[in-house]
Protein backbone atom coordinates (compact mmCIF):
# COMPACT_ATOMS: atom_id res chain seq x y z
CA GLU A 1 132.20 34.43 -55.45
CA TYR A 2 129.55 37.04 -54.64
CA TYR A 3 126.24 35.46 -55.68
CA GLY A 4 125.80 33.07 -52.78
CA PRO A 5 123.21 32.76 -49.99
CA ASP A 6 125.39 34.63 -47.49
CA ASN A 7 125.19 37.70 -49.72
CA LEU A 8 121.50 37.29 -50.51
CA ILE A 9 118.75 39.66 -49.34
CA LEU A 10 115.22 38.51 -50.13
CA THR A 11 112.37 41.00 -49.74
CA VAL A 12 108.67 40.12 -49.90
CA VAL A 13 106.07 42.91 -50.06
CA GLY A 14 102.32 43.01 -50.65
CA ALA A 15 99.39 41.00 -49.34
CA PHE A 16 100.63 37.53 -48.31
CA ASP A 17 100.37 34.98 -45.54
CA ALA A 18 103.57 35.18 -43.50
CA ARG A 19 103.69 31.53 -42.42
CA SER A 20 103.08 29.95 -45.82
CA THR A 21 105.41 32.45 -47.50
CA GLU A 22 108.21 31.66 -45.07
CA GLU A 23 107.71 27.94 -45.69
CA ARG A 24 107.92 28.49 -49.43
CA ILE A 25 111.10 30.57 -49.07
CA ARG A 26 112.71 27.82 -47.00
CA ARG A 27 111.70 25.25 -49.62
CA LEU A 28 113.12 27.30 -52.50
CA PHE A 29 116.28 28.69 -50.89
CA GLY A 30 116.96 26.59 -47.81
CA GLY A 31 118.99 24.02 -49.68
CA LEU A 32 121.52 26.47 -51.08
CA GLU A 33 125.03 25.64 -49.93
CA ARG A 34 126.63 28.24 -47.69
CA ARG A 35 130.02 29.57 -48.65
CA ALA A 36 132.54 32.01 -47.26
CA LYS A 37 131.31 35.58 -47.65
CA ALA A 38 133.46 37.46 -50.14
CA ALA A 39 135.15 40.67 -49.01
CA PRO A 40 133.71 43.85 -50.59
CA PRO A 41 135.82 45.05 -53.52
CA GLU A 42 138.08 48.04 -52.96
CA ALA A 43 137.09 51.22 -54.76
CA PRO A 44 139.32 54.19 -53.93
CA PRO A 45 137.78 57.64 -54.49
CA VAL A 46 138.02 58.95 -58.05
CA THR A 47 139.08 62.53 -58.63
CA LEU A 48 139.44 64.52 -61.82
CA GLY A 49 142.25 67.03 -62.20
CA SER A 50 140.74 68.85 -65.16
CA VAL A 51 137.73 69.09 -67.46
CA VAL A 52 137.17 66.07 -69.70
CA THR A 53 135.12 67.07 -72.76
CA GLU A 54 133.62 64.75 -75.35
CA THR A 55 131.52 65.80 -78.33
CA LEU A 56 129.31 63.30 -80.15
CA GLU A 57 127.12 63.56 -83.24
CA ASP A 58 123.80 61.74 -83.21
CA ASP A 59 120.43 61.59 -84.94
CA VAL A 60 118.92 64.31 -82.74
CA GLU A 61 117.13 67.57 -83.49
CA LEU A 62 118.60 69.64 -80.65
CA SER A 63 121.97 69.79 -78.94
CA ARG A 64 122.41 68.64 -75.36
CA ILE A 65 125.08 69.47 -72.78
CA THR A 66 125.64 67.20 -69.80
CA SER A 67 128.01 68.14 -66.98
CA ALA A 68 128.91 65.40 -64.49
CA TRP A 69 130.90 65.53 -61.26
CA HIS A 70 132.08 62.80 -58.88
CA SER A 71 130.12 63.28 -55.64
CA ALA A 72 129.26 61.92 -52.20
CA PRO A 73 128.33 58.22 -51.68
CA LEU A 74 124.86 56.80 -51.18
CA LEU A 75 123.03 57.43 -47.88
CA SER A 76 125.60 59.92 -46.58
CA GLN A 77 124.50 63.31 -45.24
CA GLU A 78 126.21 65.05 -48.16
CA ASP A 79 124.29 62.77 -50.53
CA ALA A 80 121.05 64.20 -49.10
CA ALA A 81 122.32 67.78 -49.44
CA LEU A 82 123.16 67.10 -53.09
CA ASP A 83 119.60 65.86 -53.71
CA VAL A 84 118.33 69.13 -52.22
CA LEU A 85 120.81 71.08 -54.37
CA ALA A 86 119.50 69.35 -57.51
CA SER A 87 115.99 70.48 -56.58
CA VAL A 88 117.17 74.06 -55.95
CA LEU A 89 118.78 74.13 -59.39
CA THR A 90 116.07 72.60 -61.59
CA LYS A 91 112.83 71.71 -59.77
CA GLY A 92 110.01 74.09 -60.62
CA THR A 93 109.75 77.27 -62.67
CA SER A 94 111.48 79.40 -60.03
CA SER A 95 114.51 77.09 -59.64
CA ARG A 96 117.87 78.61 -60.51
CA LEU A 97 118.56 76.95 -63.87
CA GLN A 98 114.94 76.69 -65.01
CA LYS A 99 114.46 80.41 -64.47
CA ALA A 100 117.78 81.49 -65.99
CA LEU A 101 117.98 79.14 -68.99
CA VAL A 102 114.39 78.20 -69.85
CA TYR A 103 112.31 81.26 -68.92
CA ASP A 104 114.44 84.42 -68.63
CA ARG A 105 116.94 83.89 -71.47
CA GLN A 106 115.03 81.15 -73.33
CA LEU A 107 118.25 79.39 -74.26
CA ALA A 108 117.14 75.90 -73.20
CA GLN A 109 114.22 73.68 -74.06
CA SER A 110 114.58 71.86 -70.74
CA VAL A 111 117.02 71.42 -67.88
CA SER A 112 117.35 68.76 -65.18
CA ALA A 113 119.76 67.84 -62.40
CA GLY A 114 120.17 64.80 -60.19
CA GLN A 115 122.39 62.93 -57.79
CA ASP A 116 122.97 59.38 -59.09
CA SER A 117 123.75 57.81 -55.71
CA GLN A 118 126.01 54.75 -55.52
CA GLU A 119 127.72 52.96 -52.63
CA LYS A 120 131.33 53.59 -53.56
CA GLY A 121 130.89 56.97 -55.22
CA SER A 122 128.12 58.91 -56.90
CA VAL A 123 127.74 61.22 -59.89
CA PHE A 124 125.96 64.58 -59.86
CA ARG A 125 124.64 65.55 -63.30
CA VAL A 126 123.15 68.61 -64.93
CA ASP A 127 121.51 68.11 -68.35
CA VAL A 128 120.52 70.98 -70.62
CA LEU A 129 118.62 70.56 -73.90
CA LEU A 130 119.41 73.63 -75.99
CA ARG A 131 117.08 75.62 -78.22
CA ARG A 132 118.15 75.78 -81.87
CA GLU A 133 119.27 79.41 -81.69
CA ALA A 134 121.32 78.99 -78.49
CA THR A 135 125.08 78.53 -78.52
CA GLN A 136 126.97 76.05 -76.38
CA ALA A 137 129.22 78.76 -74.98
CA GLU A 138 126.44 81.00 -73.64
CA VAL A 139 124.51 78.07 -72.15
CA LYS A 140 127.57 76.67 -70.36
CA ALA A 141 128.56 80.12 -69.10
CA LEU A 142 125.10 80.84 -67.69
CA MET A 143 124.82 77.39 -66.12
CA ASP A 144 128.25 77.77 -64.48
CA ASP A 145 127.35 81.27 -63.24
CA GLN A 146 124.22 80.00 -61.48
CA ILE A 147 126.07 77.10 -59.83
CA ALA A 148 128.87 79.45 -58.77
CA LEU A 149 126.29 81.78 -57.16
CA VAL A 150 125.07 78.91 -54.97
CA ALA A 151 128.63 77.96 -54.05
CA ASP A 152 129.64 81.57 -53.30
CA LYS A 153 126.48 83.12 -51.85
CA GLY A 154 124.36 80.16 -50.77
CA ILE A 155 120.57 79.84 -51.11
CA THR A 156 117.57 81.49 -49.47
CA ASP A 157 115.33 80.13 -46.74
CA GLU A 158 112.48 79.90 -49.24
CA GLU A 159 114.58 77.94 -51.73
CA LEU A 160 115.58 75.51 -48.99
CA ARG A 161 111.96 75.08 -47.87
CA ARG A 162 110.68 74.43 -51.41
CA ALA A 163 113.50 72.04 -52.24
CA LYS A 164 113.16 70.00 -49.05
CA ASN A 165 109.37 69.78 -49.52
CA ALA A 166 109.86 68.59 -53.11
CA VAL A 167 112.45 65.98 -52.13
CA GLU A 168 110.36 64.66 -49.23
CA THR A 169 107.23 64.48 -51.38
CA ALA A 170 109.09 62.49 -54.04
CA PHE A 171 110.57 60.28 -51.31
CA VAL A 172 107.16 59.38 -49.89
CA ARG A 173 105.49 58.97 -53.28
CA GLY A 174 108.28 56.62 -54.27
CA LEU A 175 107.10 54.20 -51.58
CA GLU A 176 103.58 53.87 -53.01
CA ALA A 177 104.50 51.13 -55.51
CA THR A 178 105.23 47.73 -53.95
CA ASP A 179 108.28 47.07 -56.15
CA ASN A 180 109.80 50.39 -55.02
CA ARG A 181 109.12 49.45 -51.40
CA ALA A 182 110.84 46.10 -51.89
CA GLU A 183 113.89 47.75 -53.43
CA GLN A 184 114.08 50.33 -50.64
CA LEU A 185 113.87 47.71 -47.88
CA ALA A 186 116.60 45.67 -49.53
CA THR A 187 118.77 48.76 -49.99
CA TYR A 188 118.54 49.68 -46.31
CA GLN A 189 119.35 46.13 -45.24
CA SER A 190 122.26 45.87 -47.66
CA TYR A 191 123.94 49.20 -46.92
CA LEU A 192 122.84 49.95 -43.35
CA GLY A 193 122.08 46.51 -41.93
CA ASP A 194 118.59 47.70 -41.03
CA ALA A 195 115.64 47.15 -43.37
CA GLY A 196 113.55 49.53 -41.26
CA ALA A 197 115.85 52.54 -41.65
CA ILE A 198 113.30 54.67 -43.52
CA ASP A 199 112.96 57.19 -40.68
CA ARG A 200 116.72 57.42 -40.42
CA ASP A 201 116.96 58.01 -44.17
CA LEU A 202 114.25 60.67 -44.20
CA ALA A 203 115.91 62.41 -41.26
CA ARG A 204 118.95 63.08 -43.48
CA TYR A 205 116.84 65.33 -45.71
CA ARG A 206 115.09 67.08 -42.86
CA ALA A 207 118.50 67.91 -41.36
CA VAL A 208 119.83 69.59 -44.52
CA THR A 209 120.65 73.28 -43.97
CA LYS A 210 121.37 76.19 -46.30
CA GLU A 211 125.01 75.97 -45.27
CA ALA A 212 125.13 72.26 -46.17
CA VAL A 213 123.76 72.94 -49.67
CA GLN A 214 126.30 75.71 -50.21
CA GLU A 215 129.12 73.48 -48.96
CA VAL A 216 128.36 70.56 -51.31
CA ALA A 217 128.04 72.95 -54.26
CA LYS A 218 131.44 74.39 -53.39
CA ARG A 219 133.08 71.03 -52.66
CA TYR A 220 131.79 68.89 -55.50
CA LEU A 221 130.64 71.15 -58.36
CA ASP A 222 134.06 72.50 -59.31
CA PRO A 223 133.82 73.75 -62.93
CA GLY A 224 137.44 72.75 -63.48
CA ARG A 225 136.95 69.11 -62.43
CA ARG A 226 134.12 67.47 -64.36
CA VAL A 227 133.11 65.57 -67.47
CA VAL A 228 131.25 67.54 -70.14
CA LEU A 229 129.40 65.55 -72.78
CA ILE A 230 128.05 67.52 -75.75
CA VAL A 231 125.68 65.82 -78.19
CA VAL A 232 125.00 67.68 -81.44
CA PRO A 233 122.85 66.92 -84.48
CA SER A 234 124.68 64.99 -87.17
CA ALA A 235 124.86 66.32 -90.73
CA ALA A 236 122.06 63.95 -91.73
CA ALA A 237 119.90 65.12 -88.84
CA GLN A 238 120.49 68.77 -89.76
CA ALA A 239 119.58 68.09 -93.40
CA LYS A 240 116.41 66.32 -92.28
CA ALA A 241 115.46 69.27 -90.07
CA LYS A 242 116.00 71.77 -92.90
CA ALA A 243 113.92 69.67 -95.31
CA GLY A 244 110.99 69.77 -92.89
CA PRO A 245 108.19 67.21 -92.62
CA LYS A 246 107.21 65.25 -95.70
CA GLU A 247 103.98 66.20 -97.44
CA PRO A 248 101.26 63.59 -96.89
CA LYS A 249 100.47 61.52 -99.95
């Protein structure tokens, strides 16, 4: 129903001869039978009315806490603001959660955040890898406090400048590899109907303001509406850690 030539986007990148490549594409794909284009599937917005918590045991040395929120769709202006928010929270030693959890209190081994952008609805995630001596309660409380500060008080001009520079640098570096370029061109054509929309996409990030970052933090990162996944060391993993490394023979 969906995998037909009317739904196909073919992207060619790299060093190639345009005429011979076009002839080859026509030879390979020109004979495919056209069919009626299927209507996009409906996907109403998903909302959570409470916190959904799941705890799993696994063969890991350290515990991990992941908080995930439903967020703005791909290529929207709010989607860009959420990317900037992720950078404010965890990119660099002076970012909110890196400073609070990793350096000041030394409760976390590492922390990361990201906006997993999708067409119908995205997910904003914060991942914290705990140190052995840290408790889940104090890590979650400190993480929530830092996010609440952004939602309530906003961010500084310097934080916005650093975050936007980091996001734009990553954006441009992501176009260096030819396979990434191909994927980006196809994405723009598929979602925006314009394969050359790179300037339009980049403009979203350059237009992000402090107020926009505060607004998406307030709107989407509600501590009472999220999924919290906690992964803890299993009994076998804890026993292995206590036993320590084996002596070499």
